[in-house]
Amino acid sequence: MEVTFDGGTTWVPATLDEPTGGEWAWRRWQVDWQPAPGRYALGARATDASGRSQPVEQPWNRGGFANNLVQRVEVVVLAE
């Protein structure tokens, strides 16, 4: 599990919480982040046991299936 704060240019590892719903259930995660005021493009990606990570950009496919890309969220951090 990795997190980006700059739209996918750099990634930092996240810590996975203990599983609570079985082998294939969603898992919570956490990462320390102390942002300065500014704009950020946050995203998170998982990597499977064989080393395949979710892509930042989704390859095109006719039916629009396999939406497995990194979902990004734009945030603005204001000064105190």
C-alpha atoms as a PDB file:
ATOM      1  CA  MET A   1       0.000   0.000   0.000  1.00  0.00           C
ATOM      2  CA  GLU A   2       1.411   3.362  -1.052  1.00  0.00           C
ATOM      3  CA  VAL A   3       0.155   6.945  -1.004  1.00  0.00           C
ATOM      4  CA  THR A   4       0.983   9.926  -3.210  1.00  0.00           C
ATOM      5  CA  PHE A   5       0.518  13.589  -2.360  1.00  0.00           C
ATOM      6  CA  ASP A   6       1.642  14.905  -5.770  1.00  0.00           C
ATOM      7  CA  GLY A   7      -0.561  13.074  -8.268  1.00  0.00           C
ATOM      8  CA  GLY A   8       1.674  10.026  -8.658  1.00  0.00           C
ATOM      9  CA  THR A   9       5.155  11.495  -9.084  1.00  0.00           C
ATOM     10  CA  THR A  10       6.351  10.153  -5.733  1.00  0.00           C
ATOM     11  CA  TRP A  11       4.952   7.500  -3.400  1.00  0.00           C
ATOM     12  CA  VAL A  12       5.354   6.762   0.315  1.00  0.00           C
ATOM     13  CA  PRO A  13       4.515   3.477   2.039  1.00  0.00           C
ATOM     14  CA  ALA A  14       1.380   3.280   4.168  1.00  0.00           C
ATOM     15  CA  THR A  15       0.776   1.014   7.138  1.00  0.00           C
ATOM     16  CA  LEU A  16      -2.054  -1.489   6.804  1.00  0.00           C
ATOM     17  CA  ASP A  17      -4.294  -2.016   9.821  1.00  0.00           C
ATOM     18  CA  GLU A  18      -5.148  -5.546  10.897  1.00  0.00           C
ATOM     19  CA  PRO A  19      -7.797  -7.235   8.716  1.00  0.00           C
ATOM     20  CA  THR A  20     -11.277  -7.341  10.239  1.00  0.00           C
ATOM     21  CA  GLY A  21     -13.472  -8.947   7.574  1.00  0.00           C
ATOM     22  CA  GLY A  22     -11.663 -11.949   6.159  1.00  0.00           C
ATOM     23  CA  GLU A  23      -8.986 -12.531   3.558  1.00  0.00           C
ATOM     24  CA  TRP A  24     -10.599 -10.500   0.728  1.00  0.00           C
ATOM     25  CA  ALA A  25     -12.152  -7.681   2.794  1.00  0.00           C
ATOM     26  CA  TRP A  26     -11.222  -4.003   2.582  1.00  0.00           C
ATOM     27  CA  ARG A  27      -8.500  -2.915   4.989  1.00  0.00           C
ATOM     28  CA  ARG A  28      -7.931   0.408   6.616  1.00  0.00           C
ATOM     29  CA  TRP A  29      -4.520   2.007   6.292  1.00  0.00           C
ATOM     30  CA  GLN A  30      -2.678   5.022   7.650  1.00  0.00           C
ATOM     31  CA  VAL A  31       0.205   7.289   6.737  1.00  0.00           C
ATOM     32  CA  ASP A  32       1.793  10.268   8.475  1.00  0.00           C
ATOM     33  CA  TRP A  33       1.473  13.516   6.497  1.00  0.00           C
ATOM     34  CA  GLN A  34       2.312  17.024   7.671  1.00  0.00           C
ATOM     35  CA  PRO A  35       1.325  19.237   4.718  1.00  0.00           C
ATOM     36  CA  ALA A  36       2.284  22.839   4.218  1.00  0.00           C
ATOM     37  CA  PRO A  37      -0.419  25.149   2.869  1.00  0.00           C
ATOM     38  CA  GLY A  38      -1.011  24.488  -0.825  1.00  0.00           C
ATOM     39  CA  ARG A  39      -2.757  22.250  -3.376  1.00  0.00           C
ATOM     40  CA  TYR A  40      -2.251  18.497  -3.414  1.00  0.00           C
ATOM     41  CA  ALA A  41      -3.404  15.559  -5.538  1.00  0.00           C
ATOM     42  CA  LEU A  42      -3.826  12.624  -3.138  1.00  0.00           C
ATOM     43  CA  GLY A  43      -4.066   9.006  -4.225  1.00  0.00           C
ATOM     44  CA  ALA A  44      -3.536   5.513  -2.876  1.00  0.00           C
ATOM     45  CA  ARG A  45      -2.565   2.327  -4.669  1.00  0.00           C
ATOM     46  CA  ALA A  46      -2.288  -1.299  -3.728  1.00  0.00           C
ATOM     47  CA  THR A  47       0.285  -3.790  -4.961  1.00  0.00           C
ATOM     48  CA  ASP A  48      -0.508  -7.502  -5.150  1.00  0.00           C
ATOM     49  CA  ALA A  49       1.689 -10.417  -4.114  1.00  0.00           C
ATOM     50  CA  SER A  50       3.198 -10.680  -7.613  1.00  0.00           C
ATOM     51  CA  GLY A  51       4.288  -7.009  -7.603  1.00  0.00           C
ATOM     52  CA  ARG A  52       1.559  -5.554  -9.859  1.00  0.00           C
ATOM     53  CA  SER A  53       0.421  -2.080  -8.748  1.00  0.00           C
ATOM     54  CA  GLN A  54      -2.716  -0.203  -9.691  1.00  0.00           C
ATOM     55  CA  PRO A  55      -1.979   2.198 -12.579  1.00  0.00           C
ATOM     56  CA  VAL A  56      -2.117   5.989 -12.215  1.00  0.00           C
ATOM     57  CA  GLU A  57      -3.722   6.238 -15.671  1.00  0.00           C
ATOM     58  CA  GLN A  58      -6.324   3.675 -16.752  1.00  0.00           C
ATOM     59  CA  PRO A  59      -5.669   1.929 -20.083  1.00  0.00           C
ATOM     60  CA  TRP A  60      -8.616   2.459 -22.434  1.00  0.00           C
ATOM     61  CA  ASN A  61     -11.034  -0.423 -22.940  1.00  0.00           C
ATOM     62  CA  ARG A  62     -14.174  -0.493 -25.060  1.00  0.00           C
ATOM     63  CA  GLY A  63     -16.662  -1.382 -22.348  1.00  0.00           C
ATOM     64  CA  GLY A  64     -15.266   0.846 -19.611  1.00  0.00           C
ATOM     65  CA  PHE A  65     -14.607  -2.209 -17.473  1.00  0.00           C
ATOM     66  CA  ALA A  66     -11.662  -2.905 -15.180  1.00  0.00           C
ATOM     67  CA  ASN A  67     -11.713   0.508 -13.536  1.00  0.00           C
ATOM     68  CA  ASN A  68      -8.788  -0.307 -11.297  1.00  0.00           C
ATOM     69  CA  LEU A  69      -6.746   2.870 -11.481  1.00  0.00           C
ATOM     70  CA  VAL A  70      -5.551   5.071  -8.640  1.00  0.00           C
ATOM     71  CA  GLN A  71      -8.440   7.366  -7.732  1.00  0.00           C
ATOM     72  CA  ARG A  72      -7.142  10.882  -7.086  1.00  0.00           C
ATOM     73  CA  VAL A  73      -8.609  13.542  -4.841  1.00  0.00           C
ATOM     74  CA  GLU A  74      -7.566  17.187  -5.099  1.00  0.00           C
ATOM     75  CA  VAL A  75      -7.270  18.952  -1.729  1.00  0.00           C
ATOM     76  CA  VAL A  76      -6.332  22.465  -0.630  1.00  0.00           C
ATOM     77  CA  VAL A  77      -4.577  22.965   2.689  1.00  0.00           C
ATOM     78  CA  LEU A  78      -5.107  26.453   4.106  1.00  0.00           C
ATOM     79  CA  ALA A  79      -2.739  28.324   6.404  1.00  0.00           C
ATOM     80  CA  GLU A  80      -3.764  28.527  10.048  1.00  0.00           C
END
